[in-house]
C-alpha cells in the first residue's frame, strides 16, 4: 500500500526513519490486530497503557497551542486536543468497559516504563524546544496511526472498532490537517527551502527517535503481562 499523502515533512521524515518506520507501522502487534489473532489480554493491556499515554499526549498538544505563532496553529492544536479527549480516549473507555474494566480502574493504570519514556520524550521536546521540535516528536504517533488505520480500514475482525476509528474519515481528516499544519509551520519559520537547512536534520532525528519509541510501545504491549 502506498503511504498516505500527509504532506512534505511527513514524507521526508518517514523516509529518514528508515527501517524503523515499517518496524512501527507493520509491527507484529499491528499485524495481529489486522488478522484478529492478537490475544485479548494483550489488547486490553495496550488500551490501558495507551489511555495513560493519551493523557500526556493531550497535554503535549495543549503545549503546542501555547507555543503556536498564529491563530491557525492554535486552532489546529486545540482541535487535536479535542479529538484526543472527546473521541479517542472515550473509545478506550468504551472498549474497556465492554470487558469489565471501568473508567476508575482505567485511570488508575500504573504507567509502564516504555510508556513513561515515550511520553516524557515528547513533553521534553516541547518544554526545551519550539513548536517545530514538538511537531516532530508528535508526528509519528498521529500520522503513523493514520497510516496504520488506512491500511486496516474495513477490517471485520474482533478489533473492528479500533480499525474503524483510525481508518475512518474523521481521523484521516485529522492526519491531513496535521500534515498541512507541520508543512506550513516549517515554511513560515524556516522558509520554503527548509528541507535543505541543517535544522531539517535535527527535526528528522526527533521524528526518528519518537518512531523508535513507538516500536518500543508495541513491543511492550505485545510482550508485557496484562
N, C-alpha and C. Protein backbone atom coordinates (compact mmCIF):
# COMPACT_ATOMS: atom_id res chain seq x y z
N UNK A 1 0.82 -1.19 0.00
CA UNK A 1 0.00 0.00 0.00
C UNK A 1 0.87 1.25 0.00
N UNK A 2 0.53 2.23 -0.84
CA UNK A 2 1.24 3.49 -0.88
C UNK A 2 0.94 4.29 0.39
N UNK A 3 1.98 4.94 0.92
CA UNK A 3 1.79 5.72 2.14
C UNK A 3 0.82 6.87 1.89
N UNK A 4 -0.04 7.19 2.83
CA UNK A 4 -0.94 8.33 2.67
C UNK A 4 -0.15 9.62 2.48
N UNK A 5 -0.70 10.53 1.73
CA UNK A 5 -0.04 11.82 1.48
C UNK A 5 -0.43 12.80 2.59
N UNK A 6 0.35 12.77 3.67
CA UNK A 6 0.11 13.70 4.77
C UNK A 6 1.05 14.90 4.71
N UNK A 7 1.64 15.15 3.56
CA UNK A 7 2.46 16.33 3.38
C UNK A 7 3.94 16.05 3.16
N UNK A 8 4.67 17.12 2.85
CA UNK A 8 6.09 17.02 2.52
C UNK A 8 6.92 16.57 3.71
N UNK A 9 6.70 17.19 4.86
CA UNK A 9 7.51 16.85 6.03
C UNK A 9 7.34 15.39 6.40
N UNK A 10 6.11 14.91 6.41
CA UNK A 10 5.88 13.51 6.75
C UNK A 10 6.62 12.59 5.80
N UNK A 11 6.55 12.87 4.51
CA UNK A 11 7.22 12.01 3.53
C UNK A 11 8.73 11.99 3.76
N UNK A 12 9.32 13.15 4.03
CA UNK A 12 10.76 13.22 4.24
C UNK A 12 11.17 12.57 5.55
N UNK A 13 10.44 12.85 6.61
CA UNK A 13 10.77 12.28 7.91
C UNK A 13 10.54 10.78 7.93
N UNK A 14 9.49 10.35 7.29
CA UNK A 14 9.19 8.91 7.20
C UNK A 14 10.33 8.19 6.52
N UNK A 15 10.83 8.76 5.43
CA UNK A 15 11.94 8.15 4.70
C UNK A 15 13.21 8.14 5.55
N UNK A 16 13.45 9.23 6.27
CA UNK A 16 14.65 9.33 7.10
C UNK A 16 14.64 8.34 8.26
N UNK A 17 13.46 7.91 8.67
CA UNK A 17 13.37 6.93 9.76
C UNK A 17 13.80 5.53 9.33
N UNK A 18 13.95 5.32 8.04
CA UNK A 18 14.46 4.05 7.53
C UNK A 18 13.61 2.86 7.91
N UNK A 19 14.28 1.78 8.27
CA UNK A 19 13.58 0.53 8.58
C UNK A 19 12.77 0.60 9.88
N UNK A 20 13.05 1.61 10.70
CA UNK A 20 12.28 1.73 11.93
C UNK A 20 10.83 2.12 11.66
N UNK A 21 10.57 2.76 10.50
CA UNK A 21 9.19 3.13 10.21
C UNK A 21 8.31 1.90 9.97
N UNK A 22 8.69 0.99 9.03
CA UNK A 22 7.87 -0.22 8.90
C UNK A 22 7.90 -1.11 10.14
N UNK A 23 8.99 -1.05 10.90
CA UNK A 23 9.02 -1.81 12.16
C UNK A 23 7.93 -1.34 13.10
N UNK A 24 7.56 -0.08 12.99
CA UNK A 24 6.49 0.51 13.78
C UNK A 24 5.12 0.25 13.15
N UNK A 25 4.95 0.64 11.91
CA UNK A 25 3.62 0.58 11.29
C UNK A 25 3.21 -0.83 10.87
N UNK A 26 4.19 -1.74 10.77
CA UNK A 26 3.88 -3.13 10.43
C UNK A 26 4.35 -4.08 11.53
N UNK A 27 4.38 -3.57 12.72
CA UNK A 27 4.78 -4.37 13.88
C UNK A 27 3.87 -5.59 14.03
N UNK A 28 4.41 -6.63 14.68
CA UNK A 28 3.61 -7.85 14.89
C UNK A 28 2.32 -7.55 15.63
N UNK A 29 2.33 -6.58 16.54
CA UNK A 29 1.11 -6.21 17.26
C UNK A 29 0.06 -5.72 16.26
N UNK A 30 0.47 -4.87 15.33
CA UNK A 30 -0.45 -4.33 14.33
C UNK A 30 -0.96 -5.44 13.41
N UNK A 31 -0.07 -6.30 12.99
CA UNK A 31 -0.47 -7.37 12.08
C UNK A 31 -1.44 -8.34 12.75
N UNK A 32 -1.27 -8.54 14.04
CA UNK A 32 -2.18 -9.43 14.76
C UNK A 32 -3.52 -8.74 15.05
N UNK A 33 -3.50 -7.42 15.13
CA UNK A 33 -4.76 -6.68 15.15
C UNK A 33 -5.50 -6.90 13.84
N UNK A 34 -4.75 -6.82 12.77
CA UNK A 34 -5.33 -6.93 11.43
C UNK A 34 -5.97 -8.29 11.20
N UNK A 35 -5.26 -9.36 11.57
CA UNK A 35 -5.80 -10.70 11.28
C UNK A 35 -6.63 -11.28 12.43
N UNK A 36 -6.75 -10.52 13.52
CA UNK A 36 -7.61 -10.95 14.62
C UNK A 36 -7.01 -11.95 15.57
N UNK A 37 -5.69 -12.21 15.45
CA UNK A 37 -5.07 -13.23 16.30
C UNK A 37 -4.43 -12.64 17.56
N UNK A 38 -4.52 -11.34 17.75
CA UNK A 38 -3.96 -10.72 18.94
C UNK A 38 -4.75 -11.19 20.16
N UNK A 39 -4.09 -11.75 21.18
CA UNK A 39 -4.81 -12.17 22.38
C UNK A 39 -5.52 -10.99 23.04
N UNK A 40 -6.69 -11.24 23.54
CA UNK A 40 -7.49 -10.17 24.13
C UNK A 40 -6.78 -9.50 25.29
N UNK A 41 -6.06 -10.25 26.10
CA UNK A 41 -5.39 -9.64 27.25
C UNK A 41 -4.31 -8.67 26.81
N UNK A 42 -3.67 -8.96 25.67
CA UNK A 42 -2.66 -8.04 25.16
C UNK A 42 -3.30 -6.75 24.64
N UNK A 43 -4.45 -6.89 24.02
CA UNK A 43 -5.15 -5.71 23.52
C UNK A 43 -5.61 -4.83 24.67
N UNK A 44 -6.13 -5.44 25.72
CA UNK A 44 -6.58 -4.67 26.86
C UNK A 44 -5.42 -4.03 27.60
N UNK A 45 -4.30 -4.73 27.69
CA UNK A 45 -3.11 -4.13 28.29
C UNK A 45 -2.69 -2.90 27.49
N UNK A 46 -2.68 -3.04 26.18
CA UNK A 46 -2.35 -1.92 25.30
C UNK A 46 -3.31 -0.75 25.52
N UNK A 47 -4.61 -1.02 25.54
CA UNK A 47 -5.59 0.05 25.69
C UNK A 47 -5.39 0.81 27.00
N UNK A 48 -5.10 0.08 28.07
CA UNK A 48 -4.90 0.74 29.35
C UNK A 48 -3.66 1.62 29.33
N UNK A 49 -2.57 1.10 28.78
CA UNK A 49 -1.36 1.91 28.68
C UNK A 49 -1.55 3.08 27.72
N UNK A 50 -2.27 2.84 26.64
CA UNK A 50 -2.48 3.91 25.65
C UNK A 50 -3.37 5.01 26.22
N UNK A 51 -4.28 4.65 27.09
CA UNK A 51 -5.12 5.66 27.74
C UNK A 51 -4.24 6.61 28.57
N UNK A 52 -3.31 6.03 29.32
CA UNK A 52 -2.37 6.84 30.09
C UNK A 52 -1.52 7.70 29.15
N UNK A 53 -1.06 7.07 28.07
CA UNK A 53 -0.27 7.78 27.07
C UNK A 53 -1.03 8.99 26.53
N UNK A 54 -2.30 8.80 26.22
CA UNK A 54 -3.09 9.87 25.61
C UNK A 54 -3.31 11.05 26.55
N UNK A 55 -3.30 10.80 27.84
CA UNK A 55 -3.38 11.91 28.80
C UNK A 55 -2.20 12.85 28.60
N UNK A 56 -0.99 12.28 28.54
CA UNK A 56 0.21 13.08 28.35
C UNK A 56 0.27 13.65 26.92
N UNK A 57 -0.18 12.88 25.97
CA UNK A 57 -0.17 13.31 24.58
C UNK A 57 -1.08 14.53 24.41
N UNK A 58 -2.21 14.52 25.07
CA UNK A 58 -3.13 15.66 25.02
C UNK A 58 -2.47 16.89 25.64
N UNK A 59 -1.73 16.70 26.71
CA UNK A 59 -1.01 17.82 27.32
C UNK A 59 0.04 18.38 26.36
N UNK A 60 0.69 17.48 25.62
CA UNK A 60 1.69 17.94 24.66
C UNK A 60 1.06 18.77 23.55
N UNK A 61 -0.11 18.37 23.09
CA UNK A 61 -0.79 19.15 22.06
C UNK A 61 -1.29 20.48 22.63
N UNK A 62 -1.67 20.50 23.90
CA UNK A 62 -2.03 21.76 24.53
C UNK A 62 -0.82 22.68 24.63
N UNK A 63 0.34 22.08 24.88
CA UNK A 63 1.59 22.85 24.89
C UNK A 63 1.87 23.41 23.50
N UNK A 64 1.53 22.65 22.47
CA UNK A 64 1.72 23.14 21.10
C UNK A 64 0.88 24.39 20.85
N UNK A 65 -0.32 24.41 21.40
CA UNK A 65 -1.16 25.60 21.26
C UNK A 65 -0.50 26.80 21.94
N UNK A 66 0.14 26.56 23.08
CA UNK A 66 0.83 27.65 23.79
C UNK A 66 2.05 28.13 23.02
N UNK A 67 2.69 27.24 22.25
CA UNK A 67 3.90 27.60 21.51
C UNK A 67 3.60 28.07 20.09
N UNK A 68 2.34 28.10 19.72
CA UNK A 68 1.95 28.48 18.36
C UNK A 68 2.26 29.94 18.08
N UNK A 69 2.49 30.22 16.79
CA UNK A 69 2.78 31.58 16.36
C UNK A 69 1.59 32.26 15.69
N UNK A 70 0.54 31.51 15.45
CA UNK A 70 -0.60 32.08 14.73
C UNK A 70 -1.91 31.48 15.24
N UNK A 71 -2.98 32.16 14.91
CA UNK A 71 -4.30 31.65 15.28
C UNK A 71 -4.56 30.30 14.63
N UNK A 72 -4.12 30.16 13.37
CA UNK A 72 -4.34 28.89 12.66
C UNK A 72 -3.66 27.73 13.38
N UNK A 73 -2.44 27.96 13.86
CA UNK A 73 -1.73 26.91 14.59
C UNK A 73 -2.43 26.60 15.92
N UNK A 74 -2.89 27.63 16.59
CA UNK A 74 -3.61 27.42 17.84
C UNK A 74 -4.90 26.64 17.60
N UNK A 75 -5.60 26.97 16.53
CA UNK A 75 -6.85 26.26 16.22
C UNK A 75 -6.58 24.80 15.90
N UNK A 76 -5.53 24.53 15.13
CA UNK A 76 -5.21 23.15 14.76
C UNK A 76 -4.80 22.34 15.98
N UNK A 77 -3.98 22.93 16.84
CA UNK A 77 -3.53 22.22 18.04
C UNK A 77 -4.70 21.96 18.98
N UNK A 78 -5.56 22.95 19.15
CA UNK A 78 -6.71 22.77 20.05
C UNK A 78 -7.70 21.77 19.48
N UNK A 79 -7.85 21.73 18.16
CA UNK A 79 -8.74 20.74 17.53
C UNK A 79 -8.22 19.33 17.76
N UNK A 80 -6.89 19.18 17.76
CA UNK A 80 -6.30 17.87 18.02
C UNK A 80 -6.52 17.45 19.46
N UNK A 81 -6.35 18.38 20.39
CA UNK A 81 -6.65 18.08 21.79
C UNK A 81 -8.10 17.62 21.93
N UNK A 82 -9.00 18.32 21.25
CA UNK A 82 -10.43 17.97 21.31
C UNK A 82 -10.65 16.54 20.79
N UNK A 83 -10.02 16.21 19.66
CA UNK A 83 -10.19 14.87 19.09
C UNK A 83 -9.66 13.79 20.03
N UNK A 84 -8.54 14.07 20.67
CA UNK A 84 -7.97 13.09 21.59
C UNK A 84 -8.86 12.89 22.81
N UNK A 85 -9.30 13.99 23.40
CA UNK A 85 -10.04 13.95 24.65
C UNK A 85 -11.48 13.51 24.46
N UNK A 86 -12.10 13.91 23.34
CA UNK A 86 -13.52 13.66 23.15
C UNK A 86 -13.84 12.51 22.19
N UNK A 87 -12.83 11.99 21.49
CA UNK A 87 -13.09 10.89 20.56
C UNK A 87 -12.21 9.68 20.85
N UNK A 88 -10.90 9.88 20.87
CA UNK A 88 -10.00 8.73 21.00
C UNK A 88 -10.04 8.13 22.41
N UNK A 89 -9.95 8.96 23.42
CA UNK A 89 -9.97 8.44 24.79
C UNK A 89 -11.31 7.81 25.17
N UNK A 90 -12.45 8.39 24.76
CA UNK A 90 -13.73 7.72 25.03
C UNK A 90 -13.84 6.35 24.36
N UNK A 91 -13.17 6.17 23.20
CA UNK A 91 -13.16 4.84 22.57
C UNK A 91 -12.51 3.83 23.50
N UNK A 92 -11.39 4.22 24.11
CA UNK A 92 -10.71 3.33 25.04
C UNK A 92 -11.62 3.00 26.23
N UNK A 93 -12.30 4.01 26.75
CA UNK A 93 -13.21 3.79 27.88
C UNK A 93 -14.32 2.82 27.49
N UNK A 94 -14.89 3.02 26.31
CA UNK A 94 -15.99 2.18 25.85
C UNK A 94 -15.57 0.73 25.66
N UNK A 95 -14.44 0.52 25.00
CA UNK A 95 -13.99 -0.85 24.75
C UNK A 95 -13.64 -1.54 26.07
N UNK A 96 -12.92 -0.84 26.94
CA UNK A 96 -12.55 -1.44 28.22
C UNK A 96 -13.77 -1.75 29.08
N UNK A 97 -14.77 -0.86 29.04
CA UNK A 97 -16.00 -1.10 29.80
C UNK A 97 -16.68 -2.38 29.35
N UNK A 98 -16.59 -2.64 28.04
CA UNK A 98 -17.18 -3.86 27.50
C UNK A 98 -16.48 -5.12 27.98
N UNK A 99 -15.30 -4.94 28.55
CA UNK A 99 -14.54 -6.08 29.07
C UNK A 99 -14.44 -6.03 30.59
N UNK A 100 -15.31 -5.25 31.22
CA UNK A 100 -15.36 -5.22 32.67
C UNK A 100 -14.34 -4.32 33.33
N UNK A 101 -13.70 -3.44 32.57
CA UNK A 101 -12.73 -2.51 33.13
C UNK A 101 -13.38 -1.14 33.19
N UNK A 102 -13.71 -0.67 34.39
CA UNK A 102 -14.40 0.60 34.48
C UNK A 102 -13.41 1.76 34.36
N UNK A 103 -13.95 2.95 34.25
CA UNK A 103 -13.11 4.12 34.00
C UNK A 103 -12.15 4.40 35.14
N UNK A 104 -12.60 4.20 36.37
CA UNK A 104 -11.74 4.44 37.52
C UNK A 104 -10.52 3.52 37.49
N UNK A 105 -10.75 2.27 37.14
CA UNK A 105 -9.64 1.31 37.03
C UNK A 105 -8.71 1.71 35.90
N UNK A 106 -9.29 2.14 34.80
CA UNK A 106 -8.50 2.55 33.64
C UNK A 106 -7.60 3.73 34.00
N UNK A 107 -8.16 4.71 34.69
CA UNK A 107 -7.40 5.90 35.03
C UNK A 107 -6.35 5.64 36.11
N UNK A 108 -6.50 4.53 36.84
CA UNK A 108 -5.54 4.18 37.88
C UNK A 108 -4.42 3.28 37.35
N UNK A 109 -4.37 3.05 36.06
CA UNK A 109 -3.37 2.16 35.46
C UNK A 109 -1.96 2.67 35.75
N UNK A 110 -1.09 1.84 36.33
CA UNK A 110 0.31 2.26 36.54
C UNK A 110 1.00 2.44 35.18
N UNK A 111 1.77 3.48 35.06
CA UNK A 111 2.44 3.77 33.79
C UNK A 111 3.67 2.90 33.62
N UNK A 112 3.69 2.10 32.55
CA UNK A 112 4.81 1.21 32.29
C UNK A 112 6.04 2.03 31.88
N UNK A 113 7.26 1.48 32.11
CA UNK A 113 8.49 2.23 31.79
C UNK A 113 8.56 2.68 30.33
N UNK A 114 8.17 1.79 29.40
CA UNK A 114 8.22 2.17 27.99
C UNK A 114 7.27 3.31 27.66
N UNK A 115 6.16 3.34 28.34
CA UNK A 115 5.18 4.41 28.17
C UNK A 115 5.75 5.72 28.71
N UNK A 116 6.31 5.64 29.91
CA UNK A 116 6.89 6.82 30.54
C UNK A 116 8.01 7.40 29.69
N UNK A 117 8.87 6.55 29.15
CA UNK A 117 9.99 7.02 28.32
C UNK A 117 9.48 7.80 27.11
N UNK A 118 8.45 7.28 26.47
CA UNK A 118 7.93 7.92 25.26
C UNK A 118 7.26 9.25 25.58
N UNK A 119 6.35 9.23 26.54
CA UNK A 119 5.60 10.46 26.83
C UNK A 119 6.52 11.57 27.33
N UNK A 120 7.51 11.23 28.15
CA UNK A 120 8.39 12.26 28.66
C UNK A 120 9.32 12.79 27.57
N UNK A 121 9.68 11.94 26.61
CA UNK A 121 10.46 12.41 25.47
C UNK A 121 9.69 13.47 24.69
N UNK A 122 8.42 13.19 24.43
CA UNK A 122 7.60 14.13 23.67
C UNK A 122 7.43 15.44 24.43
N UNK A 123 7.11 15.35 25.71
CA UNK A 123 6.93 16.56 26.51
C UNK A 123 8.23 17.36 26.62
N UNK A 124 9.34 16.67 26.78
CA UNK A 124 10.63 17.36 26.87
C UNK A 124 10.96 18.08 25.57
N UNK A 125 10.59 17.47 24.44
CA UNK A 125 10.81 18.14 23.15
C UNK A 125 10.07 19.46 23.11
N UNK A 126 8.89 19.50 23.72
CA UNK A 126 8.12 20.73 23.76
C UNK A 126 8.64 21.72 24.78
N UNK A 127 9.02 21.24 25.95
CA UNK A 127 9.49 22.14 27.00
C UNK A 127 10.81 22.81 26.62
N UNK A 128 11.73 22.04 26.05
CA UNK A 128 13.07 22.57 25.77
C UNK A 128 13.20 23.12 24.35
N UNK A 129 12.29 22.76 23.47
CA UNK A 129 12.37 23.21 22.09
C UNK A 129 11.24 24.15 21.72
N UNK A 130 11.04 24.30 20.43
CA UNK A 130 9.98 25.19 19.95
C UNK A 130 8.85 24.37 19.32
N UNK A 131 7.97 25.05 18.64
CA UNK A 131 6.81 24.42 18.03
C UNK A 131 7.22 23.32 17.05
N UNK A 132 8.27 23.57 16.28
CA UNK A 132 8.72 22.58 15.29
C UNK A 132 9.25 21.32 15.96
N UNK A 133 10.03 21.48 17.01
CA UNK A 133 10.54 20.32 17.74
C UNK A 133 9.39 19.47 18.28
N UNK A 134 8.38 20.13 18.79
CA UNK A 134 7.24 19.42 19.33
C UNK A 134 6.47 18.70 18.23
N UNK A 135 6.30 19.34 17.08
CA UNK A 135 5.60 18.70 15.97
C UNK A 135 6.34 17.44 15.49
N UNK A 136 7.66 17.53 15.44
CA UNK A 136 8.44 16.37 15.00
C UNK A 136 8.31 15.21 15.97
N UNK A 137 8.19 15.52 17.28
CA UNK A 137 8.04 14.47 18.28
C UNK A 137 6.63 13.88 18.28
N UNK A 138 5.64 14.71 17.97
CA UNK A 138 4.24 14.27 17.98
C UNK A 138 3.84 13.53 16.72
N UNK A 139 4.46 13.86 15.61
CA UNK A 139 4.01 13.38 14.31
C UNK A 139 3.99 11.85 14.15
N UNK A 140 4.99 11.11 14.64
CA UNK A 140 4.95 9.66 14.42
C UNK A 140 3.69 9.00 14.98
N UNK A 141 3.22 9.44 16.13
CA UNK A 141 2.01 8.84 16.69
C UNK A 141 0.79 9.19 15.85
N UNK A 142 0.57 10.48 15.64
CA UNK A 142 -0.63 10.91 14.90
C UNK A 142 -0.64 10.32 13.49
N UNK A 143 0.43 10.54 12.75
CA UNK A 143 0.45 10.17 11.34
C UNK A 143 0.73 8.68 11.14
N UNK A 144 1.47 8.09 12.06
CA UNK A 144 1.70 6.65 11.97
C UNK A 144 0.42 5.86 12.19
N UNK A 145 -0.37 6.28 13.17
CA UNK A 145 -1.67 5.63 13.39
C UNK A 145 -2.59 5.87 12.19
N UNK A 146 -2.44 7.04 11.54
CA UNK A 146 -3.22 7.28 10.34
C UNK A 146 -2.85 6.31 9.23
N UNK A 147 -1.56 6.09 9.05
CA UNK A 147 -1.10 5.14 8.02
C UNK A 147 -1.56 3.72 8.36
N UNK A 148 -1.44 3.34 9.62
CA UNK A 148 -1.90 2.02 10.04
C UNK A 148 -3.41 1.90 9.83
N UNK A 149 -4.14 2.92 10.24
CA UNK A 149 -5.59 2.89 10.09
C UNK A 149 -6.03 2.80 8.65
N UNK A 150 -5.36 3.53 7.76
CA UNK A 150 -5.70 3.49 6.34
C UNK A 150 -5.52 2.08 5.78
N UNK A 151 -4.49 1.40 6.28
CA UNK A 151 -4.23 0.03 5.80
C UNK A 151 -5.20 -0.98 6.39
N UNK A 152 -5.64 -0.75 7.61
CA UNK A 152 -6.53 -1.70 8.27
C UNK A 152 -8.01 -1.36 8.11
N UNK A 153 -8.30 -0.28 7.40
CA UNK A 153 -9.69 0.15 7.21
C UNK A 153 -10.51 -0.97 6.57
N UNK A 154 -11.73 -1.15 7.05
CA UNK A 154 -12.60 -2.18 6.51
C UNK A 154 -12.45 -3.53 7.19
N UNK A 155 -11.57 -3.60 8.19
CA UNK A 155 -11.37 -4.84 8.91
C UNK A 155 -12.68 -5.27 9.59
N UNK A 156 -12.99 -6.55 9.51
CA UNK A 156 -14.24 -7.04 10.10
C UNK A 156 -14.00 -8.00 11.28
N UNK A 157 -12.76 -8.05 11.73
CA UNK A 157 -12.42 -8.96 12.82
C UNK A 157 -12.80 -8.42 14.18
N UNK A 158 -12.26 -9.03 15.24
CA UNK A 158 -12.63 -8.65 16.60
C UNK A 158 -12.16 -7.24 17.00
N UNK A 159 -11.25 -6.67 16.23
CA UNK A 159 -10.74 -5.34 16.55
C UNK A 159 -11.24 -4.30 15.54
N UNK A 160 -12.41 -4.56 15.02
CA UNK A 160 -13.02 -3.68 14.02
C UNK A 160 -13.17 -2.24 14.52
N UNK A 161 -13.62 -2.05 15.76
CA UNK A 161 -13.86 -0.71 16.28
C UNK A 161 -12.57 0.11 16.28
N UNK A 162 -11.48 -0.52 16.68
CA UNK A 162 -10.19 0.18 16.70
C UNK A 162 -9.79 0.55 15.28
N UNK A 163 -9.89 -0.41 14.36
CA UNK A 163 -9.52 -0.16 12.96
C UNK A 163 -10.40 0.92 12.34
N UNK A 164 -11.69 0.89 12.65
CA UNK A 164 -12.62 1.88 12.10
C UNK A 164 -12.28 3.28 12.59
N UNK A 165 -11.83 3.39 13.83
CA UNK A 165 -11.51 4.70 14.38
C UNK A 165 -10.35 5.35 13.63
N UNK A 166 -9.27 4.61 13.46
CA UNK A 166 -8.08 5.19 12.84
C UNK A 166 -8.12 5.16 11.32
N UNK A 167 -8.94 4.31 10.77
CA UNK A 167 -9.09 4.28 9.32
C UNK A 167 -10.24 5.13 8.81
N UNK A 168 -11.04 5.66 9.73
CA UNK A 168 -12.23 6.41 9.37
C UNK A 168 -11.94 7.82 8.88
N UNK A 169 -12.96 8.43 8.30
CA UNK A 169 -12.81 9.75 7.69
C UNK A 169 -12.40 10.81 8.69
N UNK A 170 -12.91 10.75 9.90
CA UNK A 170 -12.59 11.77 10.89
C UNK A 170 -11.11 11.76 11.25
N UNK A 171 -10.58 10.57 11.54
CA UNK A 171 -9.17 10.51 11.93
C UNK A 171 -8.27 10.79 10.74
N UNK A 172 -8.64 10.27 9.57
CA UNK A 172 -7.83 10.54 8.38
C UNK A 172 -7.82 12.04 8.07
N UNK A 173 -8.96 12.69 8.26
CA UNK A 173 -9.01 14.13 8.07
C UNK A 173 -8.10 14.86 9.03
N UNK A 174 -8.06 14.39 10.28
CA UNK A 174 -7.16 14.97 11.27
C UNK A 174 -5.71 14.84 10.82
N UNK A 175 -5.34 13.69 10.27
CA UNK A 175 -3.97 13.47 9.81
C UNK A 175 -3.60 14.43 8.67
N UNK A 176 -4.50 14.61 7.73
CA UNK A 176 -4.24 15.55 6.64
C UNK A 176 -4.08 16.97 7.20
N UNK A 177 -4.90 17.32 8.17
CA UNK A 177 -4.81 18.65 8.77
C UNK A 177 -3.48 18.84 9.51
N UNK A 178 -3.06 17.82 10.25
CA UNK A 178 -1.80 17.90 10.98
C UNK A 178 -0.63 17.98 10.00
N UNK A 179 -0.70 17.21 8.93
CA UNK A 179 0.35 17.27 7.91
C UNK A 179 0.48 18.66 7.31
N UNK A 180 -0.65 19.28 7.00
CA UNK A 180 -0.63 20.64 6.46
C UNK A 180 -0.13 21.64 7.50
N UNK A 181 -0.52 21.42 8.75
CA UNK A 181 -0.05 22.28 9.84
C UNK A 181 1.47 22.26 9.93
N UNK A 182 2.06 21.08 9.89
CA UNK A 182 3.51 20.94 10.01
C UNK A 182 4.20 21.59 8.82
N UNK A 183 3.73 21.32 7.61
CA UNK A 183 4.35 21.92 6.43
C UNK A 183 4.29 23.44 6.48
N UNK A 184 3.15 23.98 6.85
CA UNK A 184 3.01 25.44 6.92
C UNK A 184 3.89 26.03 8.01
N UNK A 185 4.00 25.34 9.15
CA UNK A 185 4.84 25.83 10.25
C UNK A 185 6.31 25.86 9.85
N UNK A 186 6.74 24.85 9.14
CA UNK A 186 8.13 24.80 8.67
C UNK A 186 8.41 25.93 7.68
N UNK A 187 7.52 26.11 6.72
CA UNK A 187 7.71 27.16 5.72
C UNK A 187 7.68 28.55 6.36
N UNK A 188 6.80 28.74 7.33
CA UNK A 188 6.66 30.04 7.98
C UNK A 188 7.93 30.40 8.76
N UNK A 189 8.50 29.42 9.45
CA UNK A 189 9.63 29.71 10.32
C UNK A 189 10.98 29.60 9.61
N UNK A 190 11.09 28.67 8.67
CA UNK A 190 12.40 28.38 8.05
C UNK A 190 12.47 28.74 6.58
N UNK A 191 11.32 29.03 5.96
CA UNK A 191 11.32 29.35 4.54
C UNK A 191 10.98 28.15 3.68
N UNK A 192 10.70 28.38 2.39
CA UNK A 192 10.26 27.29 1.52
C UNK A 192 11.32 26.21 1.28
N UNK A 193 12.59 26.53 1.48
CA UNK A 193 13.67 25.56 1.28
C UNK A 193 14.14 24.96 2.60
N UNK A 194 13.24 24.84 3.55
CA UNK A 194 13.60 24.37 4.89
C UNK A 194 14.28 23.02 4.87
N UNK A 195 13.90 22.17 3.92
CA UNK A 195 14.44 20.81 3.89
C UNK A 195 15.94 20.78 3.59
N UNK A 196 16.48 21.88 3.10
CA UNK A 196 17.91 21.95 2.78
C UNK A 196 18.73 22.50 3.94
N UNK A 197 18.08 22.93 4.99
CA UNK A 197 18.77 23.55 6.11
C UNK A 197 19.22 22.53 7.14
N UNK A 198 20.27 22.84 7.92
CA UNK A 198 20.72 21.92 8.97
C UNK A 198 19.62 21.58 9.97
N UNK A 199 18.72 22.51 10.22
CA UNK A 199 17.63 22.25 11.18
C UNK A 199 16.80 21.04 10.76
N UNK A 200 16.71 20.82 9.46
CA UNK A 200 15.91 19.70 8.96
C UNK A 200 16.44 18.37 9.49
N UNK A 201 17.74 18.25 9.60
CA UNK A 201 18.34 17.01 10.10
C UNK A 201 17.98 16.78 11.56
N UNK A 202 18.00 17.85 12.35
CA UNK A 202 17.64 17.75 13.76
C UNK A 202 16.18 17.32 13.93
N UNK A 203 15.30 17.92 13.15
CA UNK A 203 13.88 17.57 13.24
C UNK A 203 13.63 16.13 12.81
N UNK A 204 14.32 15.71 11.76
CA UNK A 204 14.17 14.32 11.30
C UNK A 204 14.66 13.35 12.37
N UNK A 205 15.70 13.74 13.10
CA UNK A 205 16.22 12.89 14.17
C UNK A 205 15.19 12.76 15.29
N UNK A 206 14.54 13.86 15.63
CA UNK A 206 13.49 13.81 16.66
C UNK A 206 12.36 12.90 16.23
N UNK A 207 11.92 13.03 14.99
CA UNK A 207 10.88 12.17 14.45
C UNK A 207 11.31 10.70 14.51
N UNK A 208 12.56 10.43 14.15
CA UNK A 208 13.07 9.06 14.15
C UNK A 208 13.11 8.48 15.56
N UNK A 209 13.55 9.29 16.53
CA UNK A 209 13.59 8.82 17.91
C UNK A 209 12.19 8.47 18.41
N UNK A 210 11.22 9.34 18.11
CA UNK A 210 9.85 9.06 18.51
C UNK A 210 9.32 7.80 17.84
N UNK A 211 9.73 7.56 16.60
CA UNK A 211 9.33 6.34 15.89
C UNK A 211 9.87 5.11 16.60
N UNK A 212 11.13 5.16 17.03
CA UNK A 212 11.71 4.03 17.75
C UNK A 212 10.99 3.79 19.08
N UNK A 213 10.56 4.87 19.70
CA UNK A 213 9.79 4.72 20.95
C UNK A 213 8.41 4.13 20.68
N UNK A 214 7.85 4.39 19.51
CA UNK A 214 6.59 3.73 19.11
C UNK A 214 6.80 2.23 18.96
N UNK A 215 7.91 1.83 18.36
CA UNK A 215 8.22 0.40 18.25
C UNK A 215 8.30 -0.22 19.64
N UNK A 216 8.96 0.50 20.54
CA UNK A 216 9.07 0.01 21.91
C UNK A 216 7.72 -0.10 22.60
N UNK A 217 6.82 0.80 22.28
CA UNK A 217 5.47 0.75 22.87
C UNK A 217 4.75 -0.52 22.41
N UNK A 218 4.83 -0.84 21.11
CA UNK A 218 4.21 -2.08 20.60
C UNK A 218 4.88 -3.29 21.24
N UNK A 219 6.23 -3.27 21.35
CA UNK A 219 6.93 -4.38 21.98
C UNK A 219 6.40 -4.61 23.39
N UNK A 220 6.27 -3.51 24.13
CA UNK A 220 5.76 -3.57 25.49
C UNK A 220 4.35 -4.17 25.52
N UNK A 221 3.50 -3.70 24.63
CA UNK A 221 2.11 -4.18 24.61
C UNK A 221 2.02 -5.65 24.23
N UNK A 222 2.85 -6.08 23.34
CA UNK A 222 2.77 -7.48 22.88
C UNK A 222 3.38 -8.45 23.87
N UNK A 223 4.41 -7.99 24.57
CA UNK A 223 5.14 -8.92 25.43
C UNK A 223 4.89 -8.79 26.91
N UNK A 224 4.30 -7.68 27.34
CA UNK A 224 4.13 -7.46 28.78
C UNK A 224 2.97 -8.30 29.33
N UNK A 225 3.03 -8.55 30.61
CA UNK A 225 1.94 -9.26 31.28
C UNK A 225 0.82 -8.28 31.59
N UNK A 226 -0.40 -8.63 31.22
CA UNK A 226 -1.54 -7.74 31.44
C UNK A 226 -1.87 -7.63 32.92
